[in-house]
Amino acid sequence: MIEKDSTEVDRLAKLKASRMKELVFKKRSELEEICRLTNIEPDPSIVAEKASALIDSGLVDPFELLAKIEEQIIKAKDEVLSRKEVTDRIDKWFAACEEENWLDKYNQDDNRYNVGQCNHINLKRAERARITIGKIPGICGCQCHATERGR
């Protein structure tokens, strides 16, 4: 009877360890995805293979490892929020650059006056983008300096 119970306890312990590994890998992949999208380097001390080896060997409590990963996810999300305004302005700048490229191509096109009826709307949009492009580098520079001073 005791032997049967001890084998059941061992089986449940292995099941718990495998579930914890799955949870650690899931959280680690979430952290890596957040870091990849925001160009932040994740903590190399919790690499997936290393985490698996540490859990298997019993050197690290899976709950502690999971808590550490959760803490890093929170830090990464805070970093994303602190960078949000700058990244939004940079995205706007890239969009305006695309509009300016379109305007340059449009101005080089000899057939630009023979195209459809709504082309003047695109031209106005591209001209506004060119004006915006002139303003954005200064705005981004000021925003970056303000962010650095805030830290």
C-alpha atoms as a PDB file:
ATOM      1  CA  MET A   1       0.000   0.000   0.000  1.00  0.00           C
ATOM      2  CA  ILE A   2       2.746   2.468   0.961  1.00  0.00           C
ATOM      3  CA  GLU A   3       4.726   1.524  -2.140  1.00  0.00           C
ATOM      4  CA  LYS A   4       1.704   2.175  -4.339  1.00  0.00           C
ATOM      5  CA  ASP A   5       1.164   5.559  -2.688  1.00  0.00           C
ATOM      6  CA  SER A   6       4.820   6.524  -3.062  1.00  0.00           C
ATOM      7  CA  THR A   7       4.730   5.692  -6.795  1.00  0.00           C
ATOM      8  CA  GLU A   8       1.594   7.823  -7.102  1.00  0.00           C
ATOM      9  CA  VAL A   9       3.337  10.689  -5.275  1.00  0.00           C
ATOM     10  CA  ASP A  10       6.334  10.353  -7.622  1.00  0.00           C
ATOM     11  CA  ARG A  11       4.036  10.384 -10.643  1.00  0.00           C
ATOM     12  CA  LEU A  12       2.247  13.479  -9.387  1.00  0.00           C
ATOM     13  CA  ALA A  13       5.565  15.210  -8.645  1.00  0.00           C
ATOM     14  CA  LYS A  14       6.731  14.513 -12.212  1.00  0.00           C
ATOM     15  CA  LEU A  15       3.418  15.765 -13.568  1.00  0.00           C
ATOM     16  CA  LYS A  16       3.724  18.923 -11.476  1.00  0.00           C
ATOM     17  CA  ALA A  17       7.293  19.477 -12.708  1.00  0.00           C
ATOM     18  CA  SER A  18       6.258  19.054 -16.338  1.00  0.00           C
ATOM     19  CA  ARG A  19       3.329  21.469 -15.891  1.00  0.00           C
ATOM     20  CA  MET A  20       5.615  24.003 -14.234  1.00  0.00           C
ATOM     21  CA  LYS A  21       8.078  23.647 -17.121  1.00  0.00           C
ATOM     22  CA  GLU A  22       5.262  24.310 -19.583  1.00  0.00           C
ATOM     23  CA  LEU A  23       4.196  27.365 -17.621  1.00  0.00           C
ATOM     24  CA  VAL A  24       7.775  28.668 -17.409  1.00  0.00           C
ATOM     25  CA  PHE A  25       8.241  28.174 -21.163  1.00  0.00           C
ATOM     26  CA  LYS A  26       4.931  29.918 -21.890  1.00  0.00           C
ATOM     27  CA  LYS A  27       5.867  32.911 -19.737  1.00  0.00           C
ATOM     28  CA  ARG A  28       9.392  32.951 -21.178  1.00  0.00           C
ATOM     29  CA  SER A  29       8.007  33.032 -24.728  1.00  0.00           C
ATOM     30  CA  GLU A  30       5.664  35.875 -23.703  1.00  0.00           C
ATOM     31  CA  LEU A  31       8.662  37.788 -22.331  1.00  0.00           C
ATOM     32  CA  GLU A  32      10.682  37.136 -25.492  1.00  0.00           C
ATOM     33  CA  GLU A  33       7.791  38.323 -27.670  1.00  0.00           C
ATOM     34  CA  ILE A  34       7.445  41.564 -25.696  1.00  0.00           C
ATOM     35  CA  CYS A  35      11.194  42.109 -25.870  1.00  0.00           C
ATOM     36  CA  ARG A  36      11.306  41.334 -29.595  1.00  0.00           C
ATOM     37  CA  LEU A  37       8.538  43.800 -30.399  1.00  0.00           C
ATOM     38  CA  THR A  38      10.166  46.581 -28.391  1.00  0.00           C
ATOM     39  CA  ASN A  39      13.824  45.882 -29.213  1.00  0.00           C
ATOM     40  CA  ILE A  40      14.712  45.109 -25.601  1.00  0.00           C
ATOM     41  CA  GLU A  41      17.138  42.352 -24.667  1.00  0.00           C
ATOM     42  CA  PRO A  42      15.595  39.773 -22.291  1.00  0.00           C
ATOM     43  CA  ASP A  43      17.572  38.591 -19.283  1.00  0.00           C
ATOM     44  CA  PRO A  44      19.926  35.859 -20.548  1.00  0.00           C
ATOM     45  CA  SER A  45      19.961  34.119 -17.156  1.00  0.00           C
ATOM     46  CA  ILE A  46      16.558  32.569 -17.892  1.00  0.00           C
ATOM     47  CA  VAL A  47      17.184  30.993 -21.284  1.00  0.00           C
ATOM     48  CA  ALA A  48      14.632  28.259 -22.040  1.00  0.00           C
ATOM     49  CA  GLU A  49      17.156  25.412 -22.152  1.00  0.00           C
ATOM     50  CA  LYS A  50      18.888  26.603 -18.997  1.00  0.00           C
ATOM     51  CA  ALA A  51      15.563  26.952 -17.195  1.00  0.00           C
ATOM     52  CA  SER A  52      14.606  23.411 -18.171  1.00  0.00           C
ATOM     53  CA  ALA A  53      17.908  22.037 -16.897  1.00  0.00           C
ATOM     54  CA  LEU A  54      17.601  23.958 -13.632  1.00  0.00           C
ATOM     55  CA  ILE A  55      14.073  22.698 -13.030  1.00  0.00           C
ATOM     56  CA  ASP A  56      15.035  19.100 -13.870  1.00  0.00           C
ATOM     57  CA  SER A  57      18.047  19.163 -11.575  1.00  0.00           C
ATOM     58  CA  GLY A  58      16.049  20.680  -8.728  1.00  0.00           C
ATOM     59  CA  LEU A  59      18.535  23.527  -8.236  1.00  0.00           C
ATOM     60  CA  VAL A  60      15.832  26.141  -8.732  1.00  0.00           C
ATOM     61  CA  ASP A  61      12.311  26.198  -7.433  1.00  0.00           C
ATOM     62  CA  PRO A  62      10.008  26.525 -10.470  1.00  0.00           C
ATOM     63  CA  PHE A  63       7.825  28.972  -8.545  1.00  0.00           C
ATOM     64  CA  GLU A  64      10.818  31.279  -7.972  1.00  0.00           C
ATOM     65  CA  LEU A  65      11.782  31.044 -11.632  1.00  0.00           C
ATOM     66  CA  LEU A  66       8.215  31.821 -12.665  1.00  0.00           C
ATOM     67  CA  ALA A  67       8.111  34.800 -10.290  1.00  0.00           C
ATOM     68  CA  LYS A  68      11.387  36.090 -11.748  1.00  0.00           C
ATOM     69  CA  ILE A  69      10.021  35.821 -15.286  1.00  0.00           C
ATOM     70  CA  GLU A  70       6.799  37.590 -14.239  1.00  0.00           C
ATOM     71  CA  GLU A  71       8.897  40.371 -12.717  1.00  0.00           C
ATOM     72  CA  GLN A  72      10.836  40.743 -15.976  1.00  0.00           C
ATOM     73  CA  ILE A  73       7.586  40.849 -17.968  1.00  0.00           C
ATOM     74  CA  ILE A  74       6.347  43.689 -15.751  1.00  0.00           C
ATOM     75  CA  LYS A  75       9.645  45.570 -16.203  1.00  0.00           C
ATOM     76  CA  ALA A  76       9.504  45.071 -19.984  1.00  0.00           C
ATOM     77  CA  LYS A  77       5.908  46.342 -20.117  1.00  0.00           C
ATOM     78  CA  ASP A  78       6.876  49.385 -18.036  1.00  0.00           C
ATOM     79  CA  GLU A  79       9.741  50.049 -20.444  1.00  0.00           C
ATOM     80  CA  VAL A  80       7.326  49.777 -23.375  1.00  0.00           C
ATOM     81  CA  LEU A  81       5.026  52.347 -21.767  1.00  0.00           C
ATOM     82  CA  SER A  82       7.913  54.722 -21.102  1.00  0.00           C
ATOM     83  CA  ARG A  83       9.000  54.445 -24.755  1.00  0.00           C
ATOM     84  CA  LYS A  84       5.497  54.630 -26.210  1.00  0.00           C
ATOM     85  CA  GLU A  85       5.439  58.344 -26.981  1.00  0.00           C
ATOM     86  CA  VAL A  86       8.836  58.227 -28.684  1.00  0.00           C
ATOM     87  CA  THR A  87       7.984  55.137 -30.728  1.00  0.00           C
ATOM     88  CA  ASP A  88       4.657  56.656 -31.789  1.00  0.00           C
ATOM     89  CA  ARG A  89       6.443  59.741 -33.062  1.00  0.00           C
ATOM     90  CA  ILE A  90       9.011  57.625 -34.883  1.00  0.00           C
ATOM     91  CA  ASP A  91       6.228  55.595 -36.511  1.00  0.00           C
ATOM     92  CA  LYS A  92       4.585  58.840 -37.585  1.00  0.00           C
ATOM     93  CA  TRP A  93       7.920  59.978 -38.983  1.00  0.00           C
ATOM     94  CA  PHE A  94       8.317  56.778 -41.023  1.00  0.00           C
ATOM     95  CA  ALA A  95       4.803  57.156 -42.402  1.00  0.00           C
ATOM     96  CA  ALA A  96       5.536  60.748 -43.363  1.00  0.00           C
ATOM     97  CA  CYS A  97       8.780  59.637 -45.045  1.00  0.00           C
ATOM     98  CA  GLU A  98       6.799  57.179 -47.153  1.00  0.00           C
ATOM     99  CA  GLU A  99       4.419  59.961 -48.122  1.00  0.00           C
ATOM    100  CA  GLU A 100       7.346  62.181 -49.060  1.00  0.00           C
ATOM    101  CA  ASN A 101       8.831  59.425 -51.216  1.00  0.00           C
ATOM    102  CA  TRP A 102       5.493  59.136 -52.970  1.00  0.00           C
ATOM    103  CA  LEU A 103       5.464  62.891 -53.559  1.00  0.00           C
ATOM    104  CA  ASP A 104       8.973  62.771 -55.026  1.00  0.00           C
ATOM    105  CA  LYS A 105       7.958  59.974 -57.385  1.00  0.00           C
ATOM    106  CA  TYR A 106       4.795  61.864 -58.275  1.00  0.00           C
ATOM    107  CA  ASN A 107       6.757  65.014 -59.088  1.00  0.00           C
ATOM    108  CA  GLN A 108       9.079  63.024 -61.368  1.00  0.00           C
ATOM    109  CA  ASP A 109       6.192  61.416 -63.236  1.00  0.00           C
ATOM    110  CA  ASP A 110       5.534  63.077 -66.603  1.00  0.00           C
ATOM    111  CA  ASN A 111       2.004  61.655 -66.765  1.00  0.00           C
ATOM    112  CA  ARG A 112       0.928  63.012 -63.368  1.00  0.00           C
ATOM    113  CA  TYR A 113      -1.629  65.366 -64.896  1.00  0.00           C
ATOM    114  CA  ASN A 114      -3.284  62.585 -66.907  1.00  0.00           C
ATOM    115  CA  VAL A 115      -4.145  60.369 -63.927  1.00  0.00           C
ATOM    116  CA  GLY A 116      -7.549  59.996 -62.194  1.00  0.00           C
ATOM    117  CA  GLN A 117      -9.760  62.580 -60.591  1.00  0.00           C
ATOM    118  CA  CYS A 118      -8.746  62.065 -56.933  1.00  0.00           C
ATOM    119  CA  ASN A 119      -5.039  62.436 -57.466  1.00  0.00           C
ATOM    120  CA  HIS A 120      -5.050  66.008 -56.155  1.00  0.00           C
ATOM    121  CA  ILE A 121      -6.151  64.635 -52.760  1.00  0.00           C
ATOM    122  CA  ASN A 122      -3.117  62.348 -52.660  1.00  0.00           C
ATOM    123  CA  LEU A 123      -0.927  65.277 -53.666  1.00  0.00           C
ATOM    124  CA  LYS A 124      -2.257  67.421 -50.803  1.00  0.00           C
ATOM    125  CA  ARG A 125      -1.742  64.531 -48.369  1.00  0.00           C
ATOM    126  CA  ALA A 126       1.846  64.076 -49.520  1.00  0.00           C
ATOM    127  CA  GLU A 127       2.561  67.801 -49.245  1.00  0.00           C
ATOM    128  CA  ARG A 128       1.257  67.779 -45.657  1.00  0.00           C
ATOM    129  CA  ALA A 129       3.500  64.784 -44.979  1.00  0.00           C
ATOM    130  CA  ARG A 130       6.504  66.691 -46.287  1.00  0.00           C
ATOM    131  CA  ILE A 131       5.753  69.536 -43.855  1.00  0.00           C
ATOM    132  CA  THR A 132       5.354  67.024 -41.007  1.00  0.00           C
ATOM    133  CA  ILE A 133       8.685  65.394 -41.844  1.00  0.00           C
ATOM    134  CA  GLY A 134      10.393  68.718 -41.387  1.00  0.00           C
ATOM    135  CA  LYS A 135       8.982  69.024 -37.863  1.00  0.00           C
ATOM    136  CA  ILE A 136       9.322  65.478 -36.517  1.00  0.00           C
ATOM    137  CA  PRO A 137      13.129  65.143 -36.025  1.00  0.00           C
ATOM    138  CA  GLY A 138      13.162  68.156 -33.712  1.00  0.00           C
ATOM    139  CA  ILE A 139      10.151  66.893 -31.801  1.00  0.00           C
ATOM    140  CA  CYS A 140      11.686  63.409 -31.414  1.00  0.00           C
ATOM    141  CA  GLY A 141      14.975  64.913 -30.274  1.00  0.00           C
ATOM    142  CA  CYS A 142      13.245  66.985 -27.623  1.00  0.00           C
ATOM    143  CA  GLN A 143      11.184  63.987 -26.512  1.00  0.00           C
ATOM    144  CA  CYS A 144      14.279  61.752 -26.246  1.00  0.00           C
ATOM    145  CA  HIS A 145      16.103  64.359 -24.166  1.00  0.00           C
ATOM    146  CA  ALA A 146      13.087  64.784 -21.900  1.00  0.00           C
ATOM    147  CA  THR A 147      12.838  61.018 -21.434  1.00  0.00           C
ATOM    148  CA  GLU A 148      16.543  60.742 -20.608  1.00  0.00           C
ATOM    149  CA  ARG A 149      16.289  63.597 -18.107  1.00  0.00           C
ATOM    150  CA  GLY A 150      13.271  61.884 -16.530  1.00  0.00           C
ATOM    151  CA  ARG A 151      15.294  58.777 -15.759  1.00  0.00           C
END
